[in-house]
N, C-alpha and C. Protein backbone atom coordinates (compact mmCIF):
# COMPACT_ATOMS: atom_id res chain seq x y z
N MET A 1 -65.63 -252.53 -123.26
CA MET A 1 -65.43 -251.51 -123.65
C MET A 1 -65.11 -250.38 -123.08
N ILE A 2 -63.94 -249.61 -123.54
CA ILE A 2 -62.72 -248.65 -123.24
C ILE A 2 -63.90 -247.39 -123.56
N ALA A 3 -63.30 -246.13 -123.17
CA ALA A 3 -64.04 -244.95 -123.60
C ALA A 3 -62.86 -243.57 -123.20
N SER A 4 -62.35 -243.39 -124.66
CA SER A 4 -61.54 -242.12 -124.69
C SER A 4 -61.46 -241.58 -125.65
N PRO A 5 -60.97 -240.27 -125.71
CA PRO A 5 -60.32 -239.64 -124.60
C PRO A 5 -61.84 -239.11 -123.90
N HIS A 6 -61.81 -238.36 -122.51
CA HIS A 6 -62.65 -238.15 -121.84
C HIS A 6 -62.40 -236.75 -121.27
N THR A 7 -62.73 -235.64 -122.04
CA THR A 7 -61.78 -234.84 -121.60
C THR A 7 -63.51 -233.33 -121.24
N SER A 8 -64.58 -233.95 -121.57
CA SER A 8 -65.94 -232.74 -121.75
C SER A 8 -67.19 -233.53 -120.84
N ASN A 9 -68.03 -233.05 -120.09
CA ASN A 9 -69.00 -233.45 -119.57
C ASN A 9 -70.02 -234.24 -121.18
N TRP A 10 -70.01 -233.80 -122.13
CA TRP A 10 -70.68 -234.44 -123.31
C TRP A 10 -70.10 -235.55 -123.57
N ASP A 11 -69.16 -236.44 -123.26
CA ASP A 11 -68.31 -237.58 -123.32
C ASP A 11 -69.53 -238.73 -122.92
N PHE A 12 -70.38 -238.42 -121.62
CA PHE A 12 -71.11 -239.07 -121.38
C PHE A 12 -72.67 -239.39 -121.85
N PRO A 13 -73.03 -238.33 -122.26
CA PRO A 13 -74.46 -238.55 -122.67
C PRO A 13 -74.50 -239.14 -124.02
N LEU A 14 -73.14 -238.64 -124.64
CA LEU A 14 -73.05 -238.96 -125.99
C LEU A 14 -72.78 -240.86 -125.99
N ALA A 15 -72.34 -241.18 -125.13
CA ALA A 15 -71.75 -242.25 -124.99
C ALA A 15 -72.86 -243.38 -125.17
N LEU A 16 -73.85 -242.63 -124.01
CA LEU A 16 -75.16 -243.14 -123.96
C LEU A 16 -76.23 -243.76 -125.08
N LEU A 17 -76.11 -242.55 -125.72
CA LEU A 17 -76.78 -242.48 -126.55
C LEU A 17 -76.22 -243.02 -127.86
N ILE A 18 -75.08 -243.61 -127.96
CA ILE A 18 -74.90 -244.43 -129.12
C ILE A 18 -74.65 -245.67 -128.66
N GLY A 19 -74.15 -246.11 -127.47
CA GLY A 19 -74.62 -247.22 -126.94
C GLY A 19 -76.11 -248.02 -126.94
N TRP A 20 -77.74 -246.93 -126.90
CA TRP A 20 -78.78 -247.49 -126.75
C TRP A 20 -78.95 -247.31 -128.40
N ALA A 21 -78.47 -246.65 -128.99
CA ALA A 21 -78.63 -246.60 -130.73
C ALA A 21 -78.16 -248.01 -131.16
N LEU A 22 -77.36 -248.73 -130.97
CA LEU A 22 -76.37 -250.04 -130.72
C LEU A 22 -77.24 -251.07 -130.39
N GLU A 23 -77.77 -251.04 -129.45
CA GLU A 23 -78.94 -252.04 -128.64
C GLU A 23 -77.62 -252.44 -128.01
N PHE A 24 -76.92 -252.00 -127.49
CA PHE A 24 -75.66 -253.05 -126.52
C PHE A 24 -76.38 -252.98 -124.93
N ASN A 25 -76.17 -254.23 -124.54
CA ASN A 25 -76.63 -254.34 -122.84
C ASN A 25 -76.09 -253.28 -122.37
N MET A 26 -75.39 -252.42 -122.34
CA MET A 26 -74.42 -251.98 -121.71
C MET A 26 -74.44 -251.24 -120.18
N ARG A 27 -73.61 -251.50 -119.58
CA ARG A 27 -73.67 -251.17 -117.97
C ARG A 27 -72.22 -250.10 -118.12
N TRP A 28 -72.14 -249.11 -117.68
CA TRP A 28 -71.05 -248.17 -117.34
C TRP A 28 -70.75 -247.65 -115.83
N VAL A 29 -69.35 -247.55 -116.28
CA VAL A 29 -68.71 -247.39 -114.48
C VAL A 29 -68.42 -245.77 -113.75
N GLY A 30 -68.97 -244.77 -112.99
CA GLY A 30 -69.11 -243.61 -113.29
C GLY A 30 -68.65 -243.47 -111.42
N LYS A 31 -67.89 -242.77 -111.15
CA LYS A 31 -67.97 -242.49 -109.50
C LYS A 31 -68.78 -242.33 -109.02
N LYS A 32 -68.79 -243.06 -107.23
CA LYS A 32 -69.69 -242.90 -106.70
C LYS A 32 -70.43 -241.12 -106.29
N GLU A 33 -69.68 -240.24 -106.48
CA GLU A 33 -70.58 -239.19 -106.28
C GLU A 33 -71.34 -239.07 -107.36
N MET A 34 -71.58 -239.54 -108.25
CA MET A 34 -72.11 -239.54 -109.58
C MET A 34 -73.66 -239.84 -108.93
N PHE A 35 -73.72 -240.99 -108.04
CA PHE A 35 -75.10 -241.53 -107.28
C PHE A 35 -75.31 -241.03 -106.17
N PRO A 36 -75.88 -239.71 -106.04
CA PRO A 36 -76.11 -239.45 -104.85
C PRO A 36 -77.62 -239.74 -104.70
N PRO A 37 -78.55 -239.61 -103.27
CA PRO A 37 -79.80 -240.29 -103.17
C PRO A 37 -80.89 -240.09 -104.08
N VAL A 38 -80.68 -238.61 -104.37
CA VAL A 38 -81.91 -237.76 -105.23
C VAL A 38 -81.78 -238.55 -107.02
N ILE A 39 -80.59 -238.85 -107.35
CA ILE A 39 -80.75 -239.03 -109.09
C ILE A 39 -80.03 -240.28 -108.65
N GLY A 40 -79.30 -240.71 -107.95
CA GLY A 40 -78.72 -242.10 -108.39
C GLY A 40 -79.45 -243.48 -108.89
N TRP A 41 -80.40 -243.53 -108.18
CA TRP A 41 -81.41 -244.46 -108.73
C TRP A 41 -81.40 -244.43 -110.64
N ILE A 42 -82.03 -243.30 -110.90
CA ILE A 42 -81.85 -243.17 -112.02
C ILE A 42 -80.93 -243.56 -112.86
N TRP A 43 -79.40 -242.94 -112.17
CA TRP A 43 -78.38 -243.36 -113.42
C TRP A 43 -78.03 -244.86 -113.21
N LYS A 44 -78.69 -245.74 -111.82
CA LYS A 44 -78.57 -247.23 -111.89
C LYS A 44 -79.23 -247.76 -112.99
N ARG A 45 -80.66 -247.53 -112.93
CA ARG A 45 -81.75 -247.53 -113.66
C ARG A 45 -80.81 -247.88 -115.88
N MET A 46 -79.99 -246.52 -115.64
CA MET A 46 -79.43 -246.69 -117.07
C MET A 46 -78.34 -247.26 -117.34
N GLY A 47 -77.92 -247.60 -116.26
CA GLY A 47 -76.96 -248.90 -116.27
C GLY A 47 -75.66 -248.68 -115.58
N GLY A 48 -76.06 -247.65 -115.11
CA GLY A 48 -74.46 -247.19 -114.39
C GLY A 48 -74.18 -248.36 -112.99
N ILE A 49 -72.74 -247.96 -113.07
CA ILE A 49 -72.06 -248.92 -111.57
C ILE A 49 -71.37 -247.97 -110.84
N PRO A 50 -71.92 -247.19 -109.63
CA PRO A 50 -70.71 -246.78 -108.45
C PRO A 50 -70.00 -247.67 -108.20
N VAL A 51 -68.35 -246.57 -108.50
CA VAL A 51 -66.86 -247.33 -107.86
C VAL A 51 -67.07 -246.38 -106.61
N ASP A 52 -66.29 -246.82 -106.07
CA ASP A 52 -65.30 -246.06 -105.17
C ASP A 52 -63.86 -246.16 -105.51
N ARG A 53 -63.18 -244.94 -105.88
CA ARG A 53 -62.06 -244.94 -106.88
C ARG A 53 -60.64 -245.15 -105.59
N ALA A 54 -61.59 -244.99 -104.60
CA ALA A 54 -59.95 -245.05 -103.05
C ALA A 54 -60.19 -246.69 -103.58
N SER A 55 -61.01 -248.16 -103.02
CA SER A 55 -61.05 -249.09 -103.61
C SER A 55 -61.06 -249.86 -104.60
N ALA A 56 -59.71 -249.49 -105.20
CA ALA A 56 -59.92 -249.95 -107.09
C ALA A 56 -60.03 -251.32 -107.37
N SER A 57 -58.94 -252.32 -106.22
CA SER A 57 -59.12 -253.94 -106.01
C SER A 57 -60.59 -254.33 -105.68
N THR A 58 -61.15 -253.50 -104.99
CA THR A 58 -62.47 -253.99 -104.60
C THR A 58 -63.34 -254.02 -106.09
N MET A 59 -63.26 -252.57 -106.84
CA MET A 59 -64.08 -252.68 -107.88
C MET A 59 -63.55 -253.74 -109.43
N VAL A 60 -62.42 -253.74 -109.04
CA VAL A 60 -61.89 -254.88 -110.17
C VAL A 60 -62.82 -256.41 -110.25
N GLU A 61 -62.30 -256.62 -108.66
CA GLU A 61 -63.01 -257.82 -108.91
C GLU A 61 -64.54 -257.92 -108.74
N SER A 62 -65.40 -257.11 -108.70
CA SER A 62 -66.46 -257.04 -108.60
C SER A 62 -67.15 -256.60 -110.34
N LEU A 63 -66.44 -256.02 -111.03
CA LEU A 63 -66.48 -255.56 -112.42
C LEU A 63 -66.27 -256.76 -113.35
N THR A 64 -65.56 -258.02 -112.55
CA THR A 64 -64.81 -258.95 -113.12
C THR A 64 -65.60 -259.84 -113.01
N ASN A 65 -66.39 -260.01 -111.62
CA ASN A 65 -67.51 -261.45 -111.40
C ASN A 65 -68.95 -261.12 -111.99
N MET A 66 -69.26 -259.78 -112.94
CA MET A 66 -70.30 -259.61 -113.59
C MET A 66 -70.19 -260.41 -114.82
N PHE A 67 -69.47 -260.59 -115.52
CA PHE A 67 -69.28 -261.48 -116.49
C PHE A 67 -69.83 -262.74 -116.36
N GLU A 68 -70.78 -263.08 -116.76
CA GLU A 68 -70.96 -264.63 -116.08
C GLU A 68 -71.08 -265.53 -117.32
N PRO A 69 -70.69 -266.60 -118.10
CA PRO A 69 -70.34 -267.48 -119.30
C PRO A 69 -71.89 -267.63 -119.24
N GLY A 70 -71.80 -266.98 -121.12
CA GLY A 70 -72.85 -267.49 -122.26
C GLY A 70 -73.67 -266.38 -121.46
N GLU A 71 -73.43 -264.70 -120.90
CA GLU A 71 -74.11 -263.96 -120.65
C GLU A 71 -73.37 -262.61 -121.63
N ARG A 72 -74.24 -262.28 -122.72
CA ARG A 72 -73.21 -260.91 -123.38
C ARG A 72 -73.68 -260.17 -122.34
N ILE A 73 -72.51 -259.23 -122.46
CA ILE A 73 -72.75 -257.46 -121.46
C ILE A 73 -71.76 -256.83 -121.93
N THR A 74 -71.83 -255.43 -121.93
CA THR A 74 -70.80 -254.57 -122.63
C THR A 74 -70.80 -253.61 -121.11
N ILE A 75 -69.36 -253.65 -120.69
CA ILE A 75 -69.25 -252.67 -119.38
C ILE A 75 -68.72 -251.73 -119.92
N VAL A 76 -68.72 -250.16 -120.10
CA VAL A 76 -68.16 -248.99 -120.53
C VAL A 76 -67.16 -248.90 -119.52
N ILE A 77 -66.05 -248.71 -119.51
CA ILE A 77 -65.10 -247.72 -118.06
C ILE A 77 -64.28 -246.48 -119.12
N PRO A 78 -64.36 -245.49 -118.56
CA PRO A 78 -63.97 -244.21 -118.99
C PRO A 78 -62.16 -244.40 -118.42
N VAL A 79 -61.15 -244.36 -119.02
CA VAL A 79 -60.08 -245.16 -118.95
C VAL A 79 -58.97 -244.12 -118.52
N ALA A 80 -59.50 -243.00 -118.71
CA ALA A 80 -58.66 -241.73 -118.00
C ALA A 80 -58.92 -241.31 -116.14
N GLY A 81 -60.41 -242.35 -116.14
CA GLY A 81 -60.71 -241.53 -115.03
C GLY A 81 -61.43 -240.50 -114.06
N THR A 82 -61.16 -239.31 -115.07
CA THR A 82 -61.70 -238.31 -115.06
C THR A 82 -61.65 -237.01 -116.42
N ARG A 83 -62.03 -236.02 -116.38
CA ARG A 83 -62.40 -235.20 -117.30
C ARG A 83 -60.90 -234.61 -117.29
N GLY A 84 -60.41 -234.33 -116.75
CA GLY A 84 -58.70 -233.46 -116.40
C GLY A 84 -57.67 -234.28 -116.85
N HIS A 85 -56.86 -233.66 -117.27
CA HIS A 85 -55.34 -234.10 -117.61
C HIS A 85 -55.01 -234.95 -116.53
N THR A 86 -54.53 -235.93 -116.77
CA THR A 86 -53.75 -237.04 -116.15
C THR A 86 -52.30 -237.65 -117.27
N ASP A 87 -51.39 -238.08 -116.34
CA ASP A 87 -50.59 -238.56 -116.68
C ASP A 87 -50.04 -240.20 -117.13
N HIS A 88 -51.57 -240.49 -117.11
CA HIS A 88 -51.78 -242.24 -117.47
C HIS A 88 -53.23 -242.71 -116.87
N TRP A 89 -53.30 -243.68 -118.28
CA TRP A 89 -54.64 -244.18 -117.61
C TRP A 89 -54.87 -244.94 -116.39
N LYS A 90 -56.25 -245.31 -115.66
CA LYS A 90 -56.33 -246.29 -115.29
C LYS A 90 -56.64 -247.45 -115.77
N SER A 91 -55.68 -248.60 -114.80
CA SER A 91 -55.54 -249.86 -115.15
C SER A 91 -56.61 -251.14 -115.19
N GLY A 92 -57.50 -250.08 -114.12
CA GLY A 92 -58.26 -251.57 -114.17
C GLY A 92 -59.53 -252.13 -114.84
N PHE A 93 -59.30 -251.29 -116.50
CA PHE A 93 -59.86 -252.29 -117.22
C PHE A 93 -58.95 -253.67 -117.72
N TYR A 94 -57.99 -253.08 -118.12
CA TYR A 94 -56.86 -253.87 -117.88
C TYR A 94 -57.15 -255.37 -117.38
N ARG A 95 -56.74 -254.80 -115.73
CA ARG A 95 -56.92 -255.72 -114.87
C ARG A 95 -58.64 -256.98 -114.95
N VAL A 96 -59.63 -256.26 -115.52
CA VAL A 96 -60.66 -256.39 -115.56
C VAL A 96 -60.86 -257.43 -116.75
N ALA A 97 -60.80 -257.20 -117.74
CA ALA A 97 -60.40 -257.64 -119.11
C ALA A 97 -59.95 -259.28 -119.08
N ARG A 98 -58.78 -258.87 -118.34
CA ARG A 98 -57.74 -260.49 -117.90
C ARG A 98 -58.01 -261.13 -116.98
N GLY A 99 -59.01 -260.66 -116.05
CA GLY A 99 -59.46 -261.25 -115.18
C GLY A 99 -60.64 -262.33 -115.53
N ALA A 100 -61.44 -261.60 -116.33
CA ALA A 100 -62.79 -262.42 -117.29
C ALA A 100 -62.49 -262.73 -118.39
N ASN A 101 -61.24 -262.93 -118.81
CA ASN A 101 -60.92 -263.24 -119.88
C ASN A 101 -62.19 -263.17 -121.22
N VAL A 102 -61.75 -261.78 -121.13
CA VAL A 102 -63.13 -260.63 -122.11
C VAL A 102 -62.55 -259.82 -122.73
N PRO A 103 -62.67 -260.39 -123.90
CA PRO A 103 -61.58 -258.79 -125.13
C PRO A 103 -62.06 -257.19 -124.48
N VAL A 104 -61.30 -256.05 -125.07
CA VAL A 104 -61.61 -254.78 -124.50
C VAL A 104 -61.99 -254.41 -126.11
N VAL A 105 -62.77 -253.33 -126.29
CA VAL A 105 -63.29 -252.60 -127.41
C VAL A 105 -63.05 -251.62 -127.40
N PRO A 106 -61.91 -250.74 -128.00
CA PRO A 106 -61.88 -248.98 -127.97
C PRO A 106 -63.23 -248.91 -128.75
N ALA A 107 -63.57 -247.50 -127.74
CA ALA A 107 -64.44 -246.38 -128.25
C ALA A 107 -64.24 -245.27 -128.20
N PHE A 108 -64.74 -244.13 -129.00
CA PHE A 108 -64.66 -242.74 -129.06
C PHE A 108 -65.56 -241.91 -129.60
N VAL A 109 -65.52 -240.79 -128.71
CA VAL A 109 -66.04 -239.46 -129.78
C VAL A 109 -64.99 -238.54 -129.93
N ASP A 110 -64.70 -238.62 -131.68
CA ASP A 110 -63.61 -238.05 -132.02
C ASP A 110 -64.25 -236.25 -132.58
N PHE A 111 -64.23 -235.40 -131.69
CA PHE A 111 -64.69 -234.02 -131.65
C PHE A 111 -63.98 -233.27 -132.93
N GLY A 112 -62.61 -233.55 -133.16
CA GLY A 112 -61.91 -232.81 -133.91
C GLY A 112 -62.37 -232.95 -134.88
N ASN A 113 -62.74 -234.34 -135.73
CA ASN A 113 -63.69 -234.87 -136.64
C ASN A 113 -65.18 -234.94 -136.77
N LYS A 114 -65.30 -234.86 -135.75
CA LYS A 114 -67.21 -234.84 -135.97
C LYS A 114 -67.64 -236.00 -136.22
N ARG A 115 -66.82 -237.41 -135.42
CA ARG A 115 -67.45 -238.42 -135.63
C ARG A 115 -67.27 -239.73 -134.15
N CYS A 116 -67.85 -240.61 -134.36
CA CYS A 116 -67.83 -241.32 -132.87
C CYS A 116 -67.95 -242.99 -133.72
N GLY A 117 -67.57 -243.81 -132.87
CA GLY A 117 -67.41 -244.86 -133.31
C GLY A 117 -66.40 -246.59 -132.50
N ALA A 118 -66.57 -247.16 -132.78
CA ALA A 118 -65.72 -248.80 -131.87
C ALA A 118 -64.81 -249.16 -132.72
N GLY A 119 -63.61 -249.71 -132.12
CA GLY A 119 -62.77 -250.41 -133.19
C GLY A 119 -63.10 -251.83 -132.98
N GLU A 120 -62.42 -252.95 -133.19
CA GLU A 120 -61.98 -253.88 -133.26
C GLU A 120 -62.13 -254.94 -131.88
N ALA A 121 -62.55 -255.55 -131.60
CA ALA A 121 -62.31 -255.86 -129.95
C ALA A 121 -60.95 -256.72 -129.68
N ILE A 122 -60.22 -256.31 -129.07
CA ILE A 122 -58.86 -256.93 -128.36
C ILE A 122 -58.48 -257.59 -127.80
N MET A 123 -58.59 -258.73 -127.92
CA MET A 123 -57.91 -260.03 -126.58
C MET A 123 -56.39 -259.41 -126.16
N LEU A 124 -56.25 -258.89 -124.57
CA LEU A 124 -55.25 -258.87 -123.95
C LEU A 124 -54.11 -260.24 -124.04
N THR A 125 -53.03 -259.51 -124.25
CA THR A 125 -52.02 -260.69 -124.03
C THR A 125 -51.30 -261.21 -122.52
N GLY A 126 -51.22 -259.82 -122.01
CA GLY A 126 -50.76 -260.12 -120.55
C GLY A 126 -49.55 -259.08 -121.08
N ASP A 127 -48.72 -258.78 -122.27
CA ASP A 127 -47.61 -257.97 -122.65
C ASP A 127 -48.09 -256.65 -122.47
N VAL A 128 -48.06 -255.68 -121.56
CA VAL A 128 -48.71 -254.70 -121.10
C VAL A 128 -48.16 -253.25 -122.29
N THR A 129 -47.18 -254.01 -122.36
CA THR A 129 -46.64 -252.53 -123.56
C THR A 129 -47.14 -252.96 -124.88
N ALA A 130 -46.63 -254.32 -125.64
CA ALA A 130 -47.60 -254.75 -126.45
C ALA A 130 -49.26 -254.17 -127.12
N ASP A 131 -49.70 -254.42 -125.54
CA ASP A 131 -51.19 -254.31 -125.44
C ASP A 131 -51.41 -253.07 -125.72
N MET A 132 -51.19 -251.87 -125.32
CA MET A 132 -51.11 -250.55 -125.10
C MET A 132 -51.20 -250.23 -126.52
N ASP A 133 -49.84 -250.55 -127.11
CA ASP A 133 -49.50 -250.22 -128.08
C ASP A 133 -50.46 -250.17 -129.53
N ARG A 134 -51.05 -251.50 -129.24
CA ARG A 134 -52.46 -251.19 -130.01
C ARG A 134 -53.72 -250.34 -129.54
N PHE A 135 -53.71 -250.09 -128.55
CA PHE A 135 -54.62 -248.99 -127.98
C PHE A 135 -54.08 -247.72 -129.01
N ARG A 136 -52.50 -246.94 -128.62
CA ARG A 136 -52.00 -245.99 -129.18
C ARG A 136 -52.15 -246.24 -130.06
N GLU A 137 -52.49 -247.11 -131.17
CA GLU A 137 -51.75 -246.95 -132.84
C GLU A 137 -53.64 -246.54 -133.26
N PHE A 138 -54.85 -247.43 -132.30
CA PHE A 138 -56.33 -247.25 -132.65
C PHE A 138 -56.62 -245.69 -132.18
N TYR A 139 -56.20 -245.52 -131.04
CA TYR A 139 -56.88 -243.38 -130.68
C TYR A 139 -55.86 -242.55 -131.55
N ALA A 140 -54.68 -242.90 -132.11
CA ALA A 140 -53.58 -241.98 -133.11
C ALA A 140 -54.63 -241.35 -133.84
N GLY A 141 -54.95 -239.70 -133.22
CA GLY A 141 -55.77 -238.47 -134.01
C GLY A 141 -56.92 -238.52 -133.55
N ILE A 142 -57.36 -239.19 -132.71
CA ILE A 142 -58.61 -238.86 -132.49
C ILE A 142 -58.61 -237.84 -131.09
N GLU A 143 -59.60 -236.94 -131.12
CA GLU A 143 -59.56 -235.86 -130.45
C GLU A 143 -60.60 -235.38 -129.22
N GLY A 144 -60.33 -234.95 -128.35
CA GLY A 144 -61.53 -235.21 -127.39
C GLY A 144 -61.94 -233.18 -127.39
N LYS A 145 -63.01 -233.22 -126.57
CA LYS A 145 -63.86 -231.64 -126.57
C LYS A 145 -62.36 -230.91 -126.27
N TYR A 146 -61.74 -230.89 -125.52
CA TYR A 146 -61.11 -230.23 -125.48
C TYR A 146 -59.68 -230.74 -124.80
N PRO A 147 -58.88 -230.97 -125.98
CA PRO A 147 -57.65 -231.48 -126.04
C PRO A 147 -56.17 -231.51 -125.12
N GLU A 148 -56.53 -229.88 -124.74
CA GLU A 148 -55.32 -230.02 -123.51
C GLU A 148 -56.05 -231.20 -122.12
N ASN A 149 -57.09 -231.67 -121.68
CA ASN A 149 -57.23 -231.94 -121.22
C ASN A 149 -56.77 -233.54 -121.33
N ASP A 150 -56.69 -234.00 -122.10
CA ASP A 150 -56.19 -235.43 -122.28
C ASP A 150 -54.73 -235.76 -121.97
N GLY A 151 -54.18 -237.04 -121.84
CA GLY A 151 -52.94 -237.31 -121.58
C GLY A 151 -52.70 -238.08 -122.41
N PRO A 152 -51.77 -238.95 -122.12
CA PRO A 152 -50.74 -239.98 -122.71
C PRO A 152 -51.64 -241.09 -122.41
N ILE A 153 -51.71 -242.50 -123.76
CA ILE A 153 -52.35 -243.79 -123.16
C ILE A 153 -51.11 -244.24 -122.99
N LEU A 154 -51.13 -244.31 -121.63
CA LEU A 154 -49.95 -244.70 -121.00
C LEU A 154 -50.33 -245.55 -119.21
N LEU A 155 -50.21 -246.98 -119.17
CA LEU A 155 -50.49 -247.26 -117.87
C LEU A 155 -49.25 -247.00 -116.78
N ARG A 156 -49.99 -247.20 -115.31
CA ARG A 156 -48.71 -246.94 -114.72
C ARG A 156 -47.89 -247.88 -114.56
N GLU A 157 -48.37 -249.18 -114.97
CA GLU A 157 -47.72 -250.02 -115.33
C GLU A 157 -46.10 -249.82 -116.17
N GLU A 158 -46.45 -249.35 -116.91
CA GLU A 158 -45.72 -249.09 -118.20
C GLU A 158 -44.95 -247.84 -117.78
N LEU A 159 -45.33 -246.94 -116.56
CA LEU A 159 -43.97 -246.01 -116.30
C LEU A 159 -43.45 -246.58 -115.33
N LYS A 160 -43.38 -246.99 -114.30
CA LYS A 160 -42.73 -248.20 -113.60
C LYS A 160 -41.97 -248.65 -114.42
N SER A 161 -42.53 -248.96 -115.81
CA SER A 161 -41.17 -250.10 -116.16
C SER A 161 -40.23 -249.50 -116.45
N GLN A 162 -40.42 -248.21 -117.28
CA GLN A 162 -39.71 -247.04 -118.08
C GLN A 162 -38.78 -246.24 -116.90
N LEU A 163 -39.11 -246.29 -116.17
CA LEU A 163 -38.25 -245.50 -114.34
C LEU A 163 -37.12 -246.66 -114.11
N GLU A 164 -37.70 -247.89 -114.01
CA GLU A 164 -37.05 -248.98 -113.86
C GLU A 164 -35.51 -249.18 -114.74
N ASP A 165 -36.24 -248.64 -116.13
CA ASP A 165 -34.73 -249.53 -116.83
C ASP A 165 -33.83 -248.03 -117.50
N GLY A 166 -34.38 -247.27 -116.61
CA GLY A 166 -33.62 -245.76 -116.41
C GLY A 166 -34.03 -244.83 -117.83
N PRO A 167 -33.48 -243.40 -117.58
CA PRO A 167 -34.10 -242.48 -118.00
C PRO A 167 -34.49 -242.41 -119.29
N GLU A 168 -32.93 -243.11 -120.02
CA GLU A 168 -32.59 -243.24 -121.80
C GLU A 168 -33.95 -243.74 -122.33
N SER A 169 -34.40 -245.21 -121.63
CA SER A 169 -35.59 -245.52 -121.94
C SER A 169 -36.81 -244.58 -121.51
N ALA A 170 -37.25 -244.52 -120.68
CA ALA A 170 -38.16 -243.13 -120.58
C ALA A 170 -38.85 -242.55 -121.92
N ALA A 171 -37.14 -241.81 -122.19
CA ALA A 171 -37.08 -240.69 -122.75
C ALA A 171 -37.75 -241.45 -124.76
N ASP A 172 -37.28 -243.01 -124.81
CA ASP A 172 -37.95 -243.25 -125.98
C ASP A 172 -39.53 -243.23 -126.36
């Protein structure tokens, strides 16, 4: 499950409450700095998975290996990776879903319309742009608490592709 937009500290407790209310076997990803010795054990008991954002490939492999045949688990990943503005989403969720051959469920807290929820599970095809178009369509009109902190629904791989195709492609 991906969580977007992520623009406020309120996103986290609201997402936890929603997951518990829906009785998900939910785990969630957070930066390792959220897990200091004093309270880190509490976050882990609540399903937290500390990640070192400097070693993304290790994180992807670890999360991919958490999906065991026959076990139902939901791992929530905030795709922006931060509450501040970014020019693209982090692609770890995409690589984990493809590696584990599991669908991605887009989830949201829409402060603009005072609602929250989740969409249909999306099985990724490997066509990054086509897959991301589905997320762009889903999240259209959904607003974070601080919309100015929200960035575009775009993976770095798409940015690279646009730059390689030339400036006229990047403007499309």
